[in-house]
Amino acid sequence: MLVGPDKIEISDEQLNKLNDTYAELLEEVTSILTDFFTPFELMKSEGIFTGESADAFAESSALIKEYLLTRFSLSLEELQAAAATFQQKINEVEPFTG
C-alpha cells in the first residue's frame, strides 16, 4: 500500500497561473537580454565599434546572448514539463480521492 499525503491542495487555476508565470518570465528575460546586447550590435553594425577586437567582442557577445536565451528557455520548458507531469499525476489520482 502506498502512503502519501492525505490530500494535495493545488488547483488547476494555480497550475495555470504557474504556467503563465513561466511564460511571462521567458518574455521578460528575453527582453532584458535583447535590451542589453542591442547597443553592442548597433555600434558594430554602424561602424562605431571596429577592428579585430570589436569583431571578437561582437562574436562572443552574440554567442553569449544566444546561449543565455537558449538555456533560459530550456530551463523554463523543463519547469513547465514538470508542472504538466504533476498536473497529470493529480488528474490520475483525483478519481480515487473524491
PDB file of N, CA and C in Angstrom:
ATOM      1  N   MET A   1       0.828  -1.180   0.000  1.00  0.00           N
ATOM      2  CA  MET A   1       0.000   0.000   0.000  1.00  0.00           C
ATOM      3  C   MET A   1       0.878   1.252   0.000  1.00  0.00           C
ATOM      4  N   LEU A   2       0.544   2.182  -0.865  1.00  0.00           N
ATOM      5  CA  LEU A   2       1.285   3.431  -0.940  1.00  0.00           C
ATOM      6  C   LEU A   2       0.828   4.384   0.154  1.00  0.00           C
ATOM      7  N   VAL A   3       1.777   5.065   0.739  1.00  0.00           N
ATOM      8  CA  VAL A   3       1.448   6.042   1.767  1.00  0.00           C
ATOM      9  C   VAL A   3       1.903   7.405   1.272  1.00  0.00           C
ATOM     10  N   GLY A   4       1.036   8.364   1.376  1.00  0.00           N
ATOM     11  CA  GLY A   4       1.370   9.710   0.927  1.00  0.00           C
ATOM     12  C   GLY A   4       0.506  10.711   1.648  1.00  0.00           C
ATOM     13  N   PRO A   5       0.519  11.927   1.198  1.00  0.00           N
ATOM     14  CA  PRO A   5      -0.299  12.946   1.854  1.00  0.00           C
ATOM     15  C   PRO A   5      -1.779  12.607   1.705  1.00  0.00           C
ATOM     16  N   ASP A   6      -2.547  12.986   2.698  1.00  0.00           N
ATOM     17  CA  ASP A   6      -3.985  12.732   2.638  1.00  0.00           C
ATOM     18  C   ASP A   6      -4.624  13.463   1.471  1.00  0.00           C
ATOM     19  N   LYS A   7      -4.133  14.660   1.225  1.00  0.00           N
ATOM     20  CA  LYS A   7      -4.732  15.449   0.160  1.00  0.00           C
ATOM     21  C   LYS A   7      -3.706  16.446  -0.369  1.00  0.00           C
ATOM     22  N   ILE A   8      -3.607  16.527  -1.668  1.00  0.00           N
ATOM     23  CA  ILE A   8      -2.747  17.528  -2.294  1.00  0.00           C
ATOM     24  C   ILE A   8      -3.628  18.718  -2.611  1.00  0.00           C
ATOM     25  N   GLU A   9      -3.264  19.852  -2.053  1.00  0.00           N
ATOM     26  CA  GLU A   9      -4.099  21.029  -2.247  1.00  0.00           C
ATOM     27  C   GLU A   9      -3.464  21.977  -3.261  1.00  0.00           C
ATOM     28  N   ILE A  10      -3.771  21.744  -4.506  1.00  0.00           N
ATOM     29  CA  ILE A  10      -3.362  22.642  -5.583  1.00  0.00           C
ATOM     30  C   ILE A  10      -4.448  22.556  -6.646  1.00  0.00           C
ATOM     31  N   SER A  11      -4.831  23.683  -7.130  1.00  0.00           N
ATOM     32  CA  SER A  11      -5.932  23.710  -8.094  1.00  0.00           C
ATOM     33  C   SER A  11      -5.405  23.834  -9.517  1.00  0.00           C
ATOM     34  N   ASP A  12      -6.279  23.542 -10.465  1.00  0.00           N
ATOM     35  CA  ASP A  12      -5.926  23.741 -11.869  1.00  0.00           C
ATOM     36  C   ASP A  12      -5.593  25.206 -12.110  1.00  0.00           C
ATOM     37  N   GLU A  13      -6.314  26.084 -11.427  1.00  0.00           N
ATOM     38  CA  GLU A  13      -6.063  27.524 -11.572  1.00  0.00           C
ATOM     39  C   GLU A  13      -4.643  27.875 -11.125  1.00  0.00           C
ATOM     40  N   GLN A  14      -4.189  27.272 -10.029  1.00  0.00           N
ATOM     41  CA  GLN A  14      -2.830  27.527  -9.556  1.00  0.00           C
ATOM     42  C   GLN A  14      -1.791  27.006 -10.547  1.00  0.00           C
ATOM     43  N   LEU A  15      -2.035  25.836 -11.108  1.00  0.00           N
ATOM     44  CA  LEU A  15      -1.102  25.297 -12.103  1.00  0.00           C
ATOM     45  C   LEU A  15      -1.086  26.158 -13.360  1.00  0.00           C
ATOM     46  N   ASN A  16      -2.256  26.633 -13.785  1.00  0.00           N
ATOM     47  CA  ASN A  16      -2.314  27.524 -14.951  1.00  0.00           C
ATOM     48  C   ASN A  16      -1.583  28.829 -14.667  1.00  0.00           C
ATOM     49  N   LYS A  17      -1.734  29.347 -13.453  1.00  0.00           N
ATOM     50  CA  LYS A  17      -1.039  30.575 -13.062  1.00  0.00           C
ATOM     51  C   LYS A  17       0.470  30.350 -13.100  1.00  0.00           C
ATOM     52  N   LEU A  18       0.901  29.186 -12.656  1.00  0.00           N
ATOM     53  CA  LEU A  18       2.319  28.844 -12.687  1.00  0.00           C
ATOM     54  C   LEU A  18       2.837  28.830 -14.124  1.00  0.00           C
ATOM     55  N   ASN A  19       2.101  28.215 -15.024  1.00  0.00           N
ATOM     56  CA  ASN A  19       2.497  28.196 -16.438  1.00  0.00           C
ATOM     57  C   ASN A  19       2.519  29.601 -17.027  1.00  0.00           C
ATOM     58  N   ASP A  20       1.539  30.433 -16.660  1.00  0.00           N
ATOM     59  CA  ASP A  20       1.524  31.821 -17.130  1.00  0.00           C
ATOM     60  C   ASP A  20       2.746  32.581 -16.621  1.00  0.00           C
ATOM     61  N   THR A  21       3.112  32.327 -15.368  1.00  0.00           N
ATOM     62  CA  THR A  21       4.285  32.983 -14.786  1.00  0.00           C
ATOM     63  C   THR A  21       5.547  32.587 -15.536  1.00  0.00           C
ATOM     64  N   TYR A  22       5.682  31.304 -15.889  1.00  0.00           N
ATOM     65  CA  TYR A  22       6.842  30.856 -16.660  1.00  0.00           C
ATOM     66  C   TYR A  22       6.908  31.575 -18.006  1.00  0.00           C
ATOM     67  N   ALA A  23       5.776  31.701 -18.671  1.00  0.00           N
ATOM     68  CA  ALA A  23       5.739  32.377 -19.974  1.00  0.00           C
ATOM     69  C   ALA A  23       6.117  33.849 -19.830  1.00  0.00           C
ATOM     70  N   GLU A  24       5.615  34.503 -18.785  1.00  0.00           N
ATOM     71  CA  GLU A  24       5.955  35.910 -18.549  1.00  0.00           C
ATOM     72  C   GLU A  24       7.442  36.070 -18.263  1.00  0.00           C
ATOM     73  N   LEU A  25       7.995  35.152 -17.478  1.00  0.00           N
ATOM     74  CA  LEU A  25       9.429  35.200 -17.186  1.00  0.00           C
ATOM     75  C   LEU A  25      10.256  35.071 -18.453  1.00  0.00           C
ATOM     76  N   LEU A  26       9.872  34.159 -19.317  1.00  0.00           N
ATOM     77  CA  LEU A  26      10.596  33.979 -20.571  1.00  0.00           C
ATOM     78  C   LEU A  26      10.576  35.260 -21.389  1.00  0.00           C
ATOM     79  N   GLU A  27       9.417  35.899 -21.484  1.00  0.00           N
ATOM     80  CA  GLU A  27       9.310  37.151 -22.233  1.00  0.00           C
ATOM     81  C   GLU A  27      10.176  38.241 -21.612  1.00  0.00           C
ATOM     82  N   GLU A  28      10.140  38.359 -20.279  1.00  0.00           N
ATOM     83  CA  GLU A  28      10.909  39.398 -19.598  1.00  0.00           C
ATOM     84  C   GLU A  28      12.411  39.197 -19.761  1.00  0.00           C
ATOM     85  N   VAL A  29      12.873  37.973 -19.568  1.00  0.00           N
ATOM     86  CA  VAL A  29      14.308  37.712 -19.688  1.00  0.00           C
ATOM     87  C   VAL A  29      14.767  37.906 -21.126  1.00  0.00           C
ATOM     88  N   THR A  30      13.966  37.474 -22.079  1.00  0.00           N
ATOM     89  CA  THR A  30      14.302  37.688 -23.488  1.00  0.00           C
ATOM     90  C   THR A  30      14.427  39.177 -23.773  1.00  0.00           C
ATOM     91  N   SER A  31      13.506  39.957 -23.258  1.00  0.00           N
ATOM     92  CA  SER A  31      13.535  41.406 -23.451  1.00  0.00           C
ATOM     93  C   SER A  31      14.770  42.030 -22.796  1.00  0.00           C
ATOM     94  N   ILE A  32      15.076  41.602 -21.580  1.00  0.00           N
ATOM     95  CA  ILE A  32      16.247  42.133 -20.870  1.00  0.00           C
ATOM     96  C   ILE A  32      17.525  41.822 -21.635  1.00  0.00           C
ATOM     97  N   LEU A  33      17.673  40.587 -22.085  1.00  0.00           N
ATOM     98  CA  LEU A  33      18.883  40.211 -22.820  1.00  0.00           C
ATOM     99  C   LEU A  33      18.985  40.965 -24.140  1.00  0.00           C
ATOM    100  N   THR A  34      17.865  41.107 -24.823  1.00  0.00           N
ATOM    101  CA  THR A  34      17.865  41.849 -26.084  1.00  0.00           C
ATOM    102  C   THR A  34      18.252  43.301 -25.839  1.00  0.00           C
ATOM    103  N   ASP A  35      17.655  43.911 -24.822  1.00  0.00           N
ATOM    104  CA  ASP A  35      17.977  45.307 -24.499  1.00  0.00           C
ATOM    105  C   ASP A  35      19.440  45.474 -24.118  1.00  0.00           C
ATOM    106  N   PHE A  36      20.008  44.489 -23.432  1.00  0.00           N
ATOM    107  CA  PHE A  36      21.403  44.578 -23.018  1.00  0.00           C
ATOM    108  C   PHE A  36      22.357  44.488 -24.207  1.00  0.00           C
ATOM    109  N   PHE A  37      22.117  43.558 -25.115  1.00  0.00           N
ATOM    110  CA  PHE A  37      23.049  43.321 -26.211  1.00  0.00           C
ATOM    111  C   PHE A  37      22.821  44.215 -27.430  1.00  0.00           C
ATOM    112  N   THR A  38      21.648  44.792 -27.588  1.00  0.00           N
ATOM    113  CA  THR A  38      21.341  45.609 -28.767  1.00  0.00           C
ATOM    114  C   THR A  38      22.323  46.761 -28.985  1.00  0.00           C
ATOM    115  N   PRO A  39      22.704  47.526 -27.942  1.00  0.00           N
ATOM    116  CA  PRO A  39      23.661  48.622 -28.195  1.00  0.00           C
ATOM    117  C   PRO A  39      24.978  48.146 -28.811  1.00  0.00           C
ATOM    118  N   PHE A  40      25.489  47.002 -28.356  1.00  0.00           N
ATOM    119  CA  PHE A  40      26.731  46.470 -28.930  1.00  0.00           C
ATOM    120  C   PHE A  40      26.530  46.098 -30.400  1.00  0.00           C
ATOM    121  N   GLU A  41      25.389  45.487 -30.683  1.00  0.00           N
ATOM    122  CA  GLU A  41      25.093  45.096 -32.059  1.00  0.00           C
ATOM    123  C   GLU A  41      24.948  46.326 -32.956  1.00  0.00           C
ATOM    124  N   LEU A  42      24.303  47.369 -32.441  1.00  0.00           N
ATOM    125  CA  LEU A  42      24.147  48.605 -33.222  1.00  0.00           C
ATOM    126  C   LEU A  42      25.487  49.280 -33.471  1.00  0.00           C
ATOM    127  N   MET A  43      26.322  49.374 -32.430  1.00  0.00           N
ATOM    128  CA  MET A  43      27.638  50.003 -32.601  1.00  0.00           C
ATOM    129  C   MET A  43      28.453  49.261 -33.651  1.00  0.00           C
ATOM    130  N   LYS A  44      28.379  47.954 -33.639  1.00  0.00           N
ATOM    131  CA  LYS A  44      29.122  47.153 -34.618  1.00  0.00           C
ATOM    132  C   LYS A  44      28.569  47.375 -36.022  1.00  0.00           C
ATOM    133  N   SER A  45      27.246  47.342 -36.157  1.00  0.00           N
ATOM    134  CA  SER A  45      26.648  47.476 -37.490  1.00  0.00           C
ATOM    135  C   SER A  45      26.803  48.884 -38.060  1.00  0.00           C
ATOM    136  N   GLU A  46      26.913  49.896 -37.195  1.00  0.00           N
ATOM    137  CA  GLU A  46      27.064  51.276 -37.671  1.00  0.00           C
ATOM    138  C   GLU A  46      28.517  51.689 -37.839  1.00  0.00           C
ATOM    139  N   GLY A  47      29.440  50.773 -37.566  1.00  0.00           N
ATOM    140  CA  GLY A  47      30.846  51.061 -37.775  1.00  0.00           C
ATOM    141  C   GLY A  47      31.494  51.865 -36.664  1.00  0.00           C
ATOM    142  N   ILE A  48      30.813  52.036 -35.550  1.00  0.00           N
ATOM    143  CA  ILE A  48      31.375  52.768 -34.413  1.00  0.00           C
ATOM    144  C   ILE A  48      32.397  51.897 -33.696  1.00  0.00           C
ATOM    145  N   PHE A  49      32.113  50.642 -33.667  1.00  0.00           N
ATOM    146  CA  PHE A  49      32.919  49.646 -32.990  1.00  0.00           C
ATOM    147  C   PHE A  49      33.624  48.857 -34.083  1.00  0.00           C
ATOM    148  N   THR A  50      34.921  49.084 -34.312  1.00  0.00           N
ATOM    149  CA  THR A  50      35.603  48.451 -35.444  1.00  0.00           C
ATOM    150  C   THR A  50      36.899  47.767 -35.009  1.00  0.00           C
ATOM    151  N   GLY A  51      37.440  46.994 -35.916  1.00  0.00           N
ATOM    152  CA  GLY A  51      38.710  46.331 -35.684  1.00  0.00           C
ATOM    153  C   GLY A  51      38.535  44.897 -35.223  1.00  0.00           C
ATOM    154  N   GLU A  52      39.677  44.221 -35.073  1.00  0.00           N
ATOM    155  CA  GLU A  52      39.654  42.813 -34.679  1.00  0.00           C
ATOM    156  C   GLU A  52      39.052  42.617 -33.292  1.00  0.00           C
ATOM    157  N   SER A  53      39.387  43.519 -32.371  1.00  0.00           N
ATOM    158  CA  SER A  53      38.836  43.412 -31.016  1.00  0.00           C
ATOM    159  C   SER A  53      37.325  43.552 -31.039  1.00  0.00           C
ATOM    160  N   ALA A  54      36.847  44.490 -31.833  1.00  0.00           N
ATOM    161  CA  ALA A  54      35.402  44.700 -31.949  1.00  0.00           C
ATOM    162  C   ALA A  54      34.733  43.463 -32.544  1.00  0.00           C
ATOM    163  N   ASP A  55      35.365  42.896 -33.574  1.00  0.00           N
ATOM    164  CA  ASP A  55      34.809  41.684 -34.187  1.00  0.00           C
ATOM    165  C   ASP A  55      34.736  40.541 -33.175  1.00  0.00           C
ATOM    166  N   ALA A  56      35.826  40.351 -32.439  1.00  0.00           N
ATOM    167  CA  ALA A  56      35.867  39.272 -31.447  1.00  0.00           C
ATOM    168  C   ALA A  56      34.832  39.508 -30.351  1.00  0.00           C
ATOM    169  N   PHE A  57      34.731  40.762 -29.900  1.00  0.00           N
ATOM    170  CA  PHE A  57      33.760  41.077 -28.855  1.00  0.00           C
ATOM    171  C   PHE A  57      32.337  40.873 -29.358  1.00  0.00           C
ATOM    172  N   ALA A  58      32.067  41.318 -30.567  1.00  0.00           N
ATOM    173  CA  ALA A  58      30.724  41.176 -31.137  1.00  0.00           C
ATOM    174  C   ALA A  58      30.352  39.703 -31.293  1.00  0.00           C
ATOM    175  N   GLU A  59      31.304  38.899 -31.762  1.00  0.00           N
ATOM    176  CA  GLU A  59      31.036  37.466 -31.920  1.00  0.00           C
ATOM    177  C   GLU A  59      30.796  36.789 -30.578  1.00  0.00           C
ATOM    178  N   SER A  60      31.630  37.118 -29.591  1.00  0.00           N
ATOM    179  CA  SER A  60      31.443  36.489 -28.279  1.00  0.00           C
ATOM    180  C   SER A  60      30.147  36.965 -27.628  1.00  0.00           C
ATOM    181  N   SER A  61      29.800  38.235 -27.814  1.00  0.00           N
ATOM    182  CA  SER A  61      28.534  38.749 -27.278  1.00  0.00           C
ATOM    183  C   SER A  61      27.348  38.026 -27.908  1.00  0.00           C
ATOM    184  N   ALA A  62      27.410  37.814 -29.211  1.00  0.00           N
ATOM    185  CA  ALA A  62      26.321  37.117 -29.902  1.00  0.00           C
ATOM    186  C   ALA A  62      26.189  35.679 -29.391  1.00  0.00           C
ATOM    187  N   LEU A  63      27.319  35.019 -29.187  1.00  0.00           N
ATOM    188  CA  LEU A  63      27.286  33.647 -28.664  1.00  0.00           C
ATOM    189  C   LEU A  63      26.726  33.603 -27.245  1.00  0.00           C
ATOM    190  N   ILE A  64      27.168  34.541 -26.419  1.00  0.00           N
ATOM    191  CA  ILE A  64      26.679  34.591 -25.036  1.00  0.00           C
ATOM    192  C   ILE A  64      25.181  34.855 -25.013  1.00  0.00           C
ATOM    193  N   LYS A  65      24.736  35.797 -25.834  1.00  0.00           N
ATOM    194  CA  LYS A  65      23.306  36.123 -25.895  1.00  0.00           C
ATOM    195  C   LYS A  65      22.499  34.890 -26.298  1.00  0.00           C
ATOM    196  N   GLU A  66      22.906  34.210 -27.351  1.00  0.00           N
ATOM    197  CA  GLU A  66      22.177  33.024 -27.812  1.00  0.00           C
ATOM    198  C   GLU A  66      22.191  31.916 -26.766  1.00  0.00           C
ATOM    199  N   TYR A  67      23.345  31.738 -26.118  1.00  0.00           N
ATOM    200  CA  TYR A  67      23.424  30.716 -25.072  1.00  0.00           C
ATOM    201  C   TYR A  67      22.453  31.032 -23.941  1.00  0.00           C
ATOM    202  N   LEU A  68      22.477  32.276 -23.453  1.00  0.00           N
ATOM    203  CA  LEU A  68      21.605  32.653 -22.339  1.00  0.00           C
ATOM    204  C   LEU A  68      20.134  32.505 -22.701  1.00  0.00           C
ATOM    205  N   LEU A  69      19.767  32.951 -23.894  1.00  0.00           N
ATOM    206  CA  LEU A  69      18.374  32.828 -24.322  1.00  0.00           C
ATOM    207  C   LEU A  69      17.955  31.362 -24.428  1.00  0.00           C
ATOM    208  N   THR A  70      18.810  30.551 -25.025  1.00  0.00           N
ATOM    209  CA  THR A  70      18.501  29.132 -25.200  1.00  0.00           C
ATOM    210  C   THR A  70      18.436  28.414 -23.858  1.00  0.00           C
ATOM    211  N   ARG A  71      19.420  28.666 -23.008  1.00  0.00           N
ATOM    212  CA  ARG A  71      19.464  27.981 -21.714  1.00  0.00           C
ATOM    213  C   ARG A  71      18.270  28.360 -20.851  1.00  0.00           C
ATOM    214  N   PHE A  72      17.937  29.647 -20.823  1.00  0.00           N
ATOM    215  CA  PHE A  72      16.797  30.080 -20.021  1.00  0.00           C
ATOM    216  C   PHE A  72      15.505  29.483 -20.563  1.00  0.00           C
ATOM    217  N   SER A  73      15.375  29.476 -21.872  1.00  0.00           N
ATOM    218  CA  SER A  73      14.183  28.899 -22.494  1.00  0.00           C
ATOM    219  C   SER A  73      14.056  27.412 -22.153  1.00  0.00           C
ATOM    220  N   LEU A  74      15.160  26.686 -22.235  1.00  0.00           N
ATOM    221  CA  LEU A  74      15.142  25.259 -21.895  1.00  0.00           C
ATOM    222  C   LEU A  74      14.808  25.036 -20.427  1.00  0.00           C
ATOM    223  N   SER A  75      15.345  25.881 -19.553  1.00  0.00           N
ATOM    224  CA  SER A  75      15.043  25.755 -18.128  1.00  0.00           C
ATOM    225  C   SER A  75      13.552  25.917 -17.879  1.00  0.00           C
ATOM    226  N   LEU A  76      12.949  26.913 -18.511  1.00  0.00           N
ATOM    227  CA  LEU A  76      11.518  27.121 -18.333  1.00  0.00           C
ATOM    228  C   LEU A  76      10.711  25.979 -18.935  1.00  0.00           C
ATOM    229  N   GLU A  77      11.160  25.450 -20.070  1.00  0.00           N
ATOM    230  CA  GLU A  77      10.467  24.305 -20.659  1.00  0.00           C
ATOM    231  C   GLU A  77      10.516  23.100 -19.717  1.00  0.00           C
ATOM    232  N   GLU A  78      11.658  22.908 -19.053  1.00  0.00           N
ATOM    233  CA  GLU A  78      11.783  21.815 -18.096  1.00  0.00           C
ATOM    234  C   GLU A  78      10.828  22.018 -16.920  1.00  0.00           C
ATOM    235  N   LEU A  79      10.727  23.252 -16.433  1.00  0.00           N
ATOM    236  CA  LEU A  79       9.799  23.541 -15.336  1.00  0.00           C
ATOM    237  C   LEU A  79       8.351  23.344 -15.770  1.00  0.00           C
ATOM    238  N   GLN A  80       8.033  23.777 -16.988  1.00  0.00           N
ATOM    239  CA  GLN A  80       6.672  23.596 -17.490  1.00  0.00           C
ATOM    240  C   GLN A  80       6.347  22.115 -17.663  1.00  0.00           C
ATOM    241  N   ALA A  81       7.314  21.339 -18.117  1.00  0.00           N
ATOM    242  CA  ALA A  81       7.098  19.898 -18.267  1.00  0.00           C
ATOM    243  C   ALA A  81       6.873  19.248 -16.903  1.00  0.00           C
ATOM    244  N   ALA A  82       7.625  19.688 -15.895  1.00  0.00           N
ATOM    245  CA  ALA A  82       7.439  19.152 -14.547  1.00  0.00           C
ATOM    246  C   ALA A  82       6.052  19.502 -14.022  1.00  0.00           C
ATOM    247  N   ALA A  83       5.601  20.722 -14.262  1.00  0.00           N
ATOM    248  CA  ALA A  83       4.259  21.133 -13.825  1.00  0.00           C
ATOM    249  C   ALA A  83       3.189  20.325 -14.556  1.00  0.00           C
ATOM    250  N   ALA A  84       3.395  20.084 -15.844  1.00  0.00           N
ATOM    251  CA  ALA A  84       2.425  19.296 -16.618  1.00  0.00           C
ATOM    252  C   ALA A  84       2.367  17.857 -16.109  1.00  0.00           C
ATOM    253  N   THR A  85       3.520  17.289 -15.792  1.00  0.00           N
ATOM    254  CA  THR A  85       3.562  15.935 -15.241  1.00  0.00           C
ATOM    255  C   THR A  85       2.857  15.890 -13.890  1.00  0.00           C
ATOM    256  N   PHE A  86       3.106  16.914 -13.077  1.00  0.00           N
ATOM    257  CA  PHE A  86       2.458  16.999 -11.773  1.00  0.00           C
ATOM    258  C   PHE A  86       0.945  17.072 -11.935  1.00  0.00           C
ATOM    259  N   GLN A  87       0.494  17.898 -12.878  1.00  0.00           N
ATOM    260  CA  GLN A  87      -0.940  18.026 -13.123  1.00  0.00           C
ATOM    261  C   GLN A  87      -1.526  16.692 -13.604  1.00  0.00           C
ATOM    262  N   GLN A  88      -0.811  16.001 -14.463  1.00  0.00           N
ATOM    263  CA  GLN A  88      -1.274  14.699 -14.958  1.00  0.00           C
ATOM    264  C   GLN A  88      -1.388  13.697 -13.811  1.00  0.00           C
ATOM    265  N   LYS A  89      -0.399  13.681 -12.931  1.00  0.00           N
ATOM    266  CA  LYS A  89      -0.432  12.754 -11.792  1.00  0.00           C
ATOM    267  C   LYS A  89      -1.609  13.071 -10.876  1.00  0.00           C
ATOM    268  N   ILE A  90      -1.871  14.364 -10.672  1.00  0.00           N
ATOM    269  CA  ILE A  90      -3.026  14.756  -9.852  1.00  0.00           C
ATOM    270  C   ILE A  90      -4.310  14.267 -10.503  1.00  0.00           C
ATOM    271  N   ASN A  91      -4.418  14.456 -11.808  1.00  0.00           N
ATOM    272  CA  ASN A  91      -5.625  14.020 -12.523  1.00  0.00           C
ATOM    273  C   ASN A  91      -5.816  12.506 -12.449  1.00  0.00           C
ATOM    274  N   GLU A  92      -4.712  11.765 -12.428  1.00  0.00           N
ATOM    275  CA  GLU A  92      -4.801  10.309 -12.322  1.00  0.00           C
ATOM    276  C   GLU A  92      -5.278   9.871 -10.938  1.00  0.00           C
ATOM    277  N   VAL A  93      -4.924  10.633  -9.912  1.00  0.00           N
ATOM    278  CA  VAL A  93      -5.242  10.271  -8.535  1.00  0.00           C
ATOM    279  C   VAL A  93      -6.613  10.787  -8.107  1.00  0.00           C
ATOM    280  N   GLU A  94      -7.056  11.895  -8.674  1.00  0.00           N
ATOM    281  CA  GLU A  94      -8.309  12.530  -8.251  1.00  0.00           C
ATOM    282  C   GLU A  94      -9.514  11.592  -8.204  1.00  0.00           C
ATOM    283  N   PRO A  95      -9.702  10.717  -9.194  1.00  0.00           N
ATOM    284  CA  PRO A  95     -10.872   9.829  -9.126  1.00  0.00           C
ATOM    285  C   PRO A  95     -10.893   8.940  -7.874  1.00  0.00           C
ATOM    286  N   PHE A  96      -9.732   8.654  -7.319  1.00  0.00           N
ATOM    287  CA  PHE A  96      -9.653   7.774  -6.154  1.00  0.00           C
ATOM    288  C   PHE A  96      -9.793   8.528  -4.835  1.00  0.00           C
ATOM    289  N   THR A  97      -9.693   9.870  -4.882  1.00  0.00           N
ATOM    290  CA  THR A  97      -9.724  10.656  -3.649  1.00  0.00           C
ATOM    291  C   THR A  97     -11.032  11.403  -3.453  1.00  0.00           C
ATOM    292  N   GLY A  98     -11.845  11.483  -4.490  1.00  0.00           N
ATOM    293  CA  GLY A  98     -13.049  12.297  -4.458  1.00  0.00           C
ATOM    294  C   GLY A  98     -14.158  11.626  -3.786  1.00  0.00           C
TER     295      GLY A  98
END
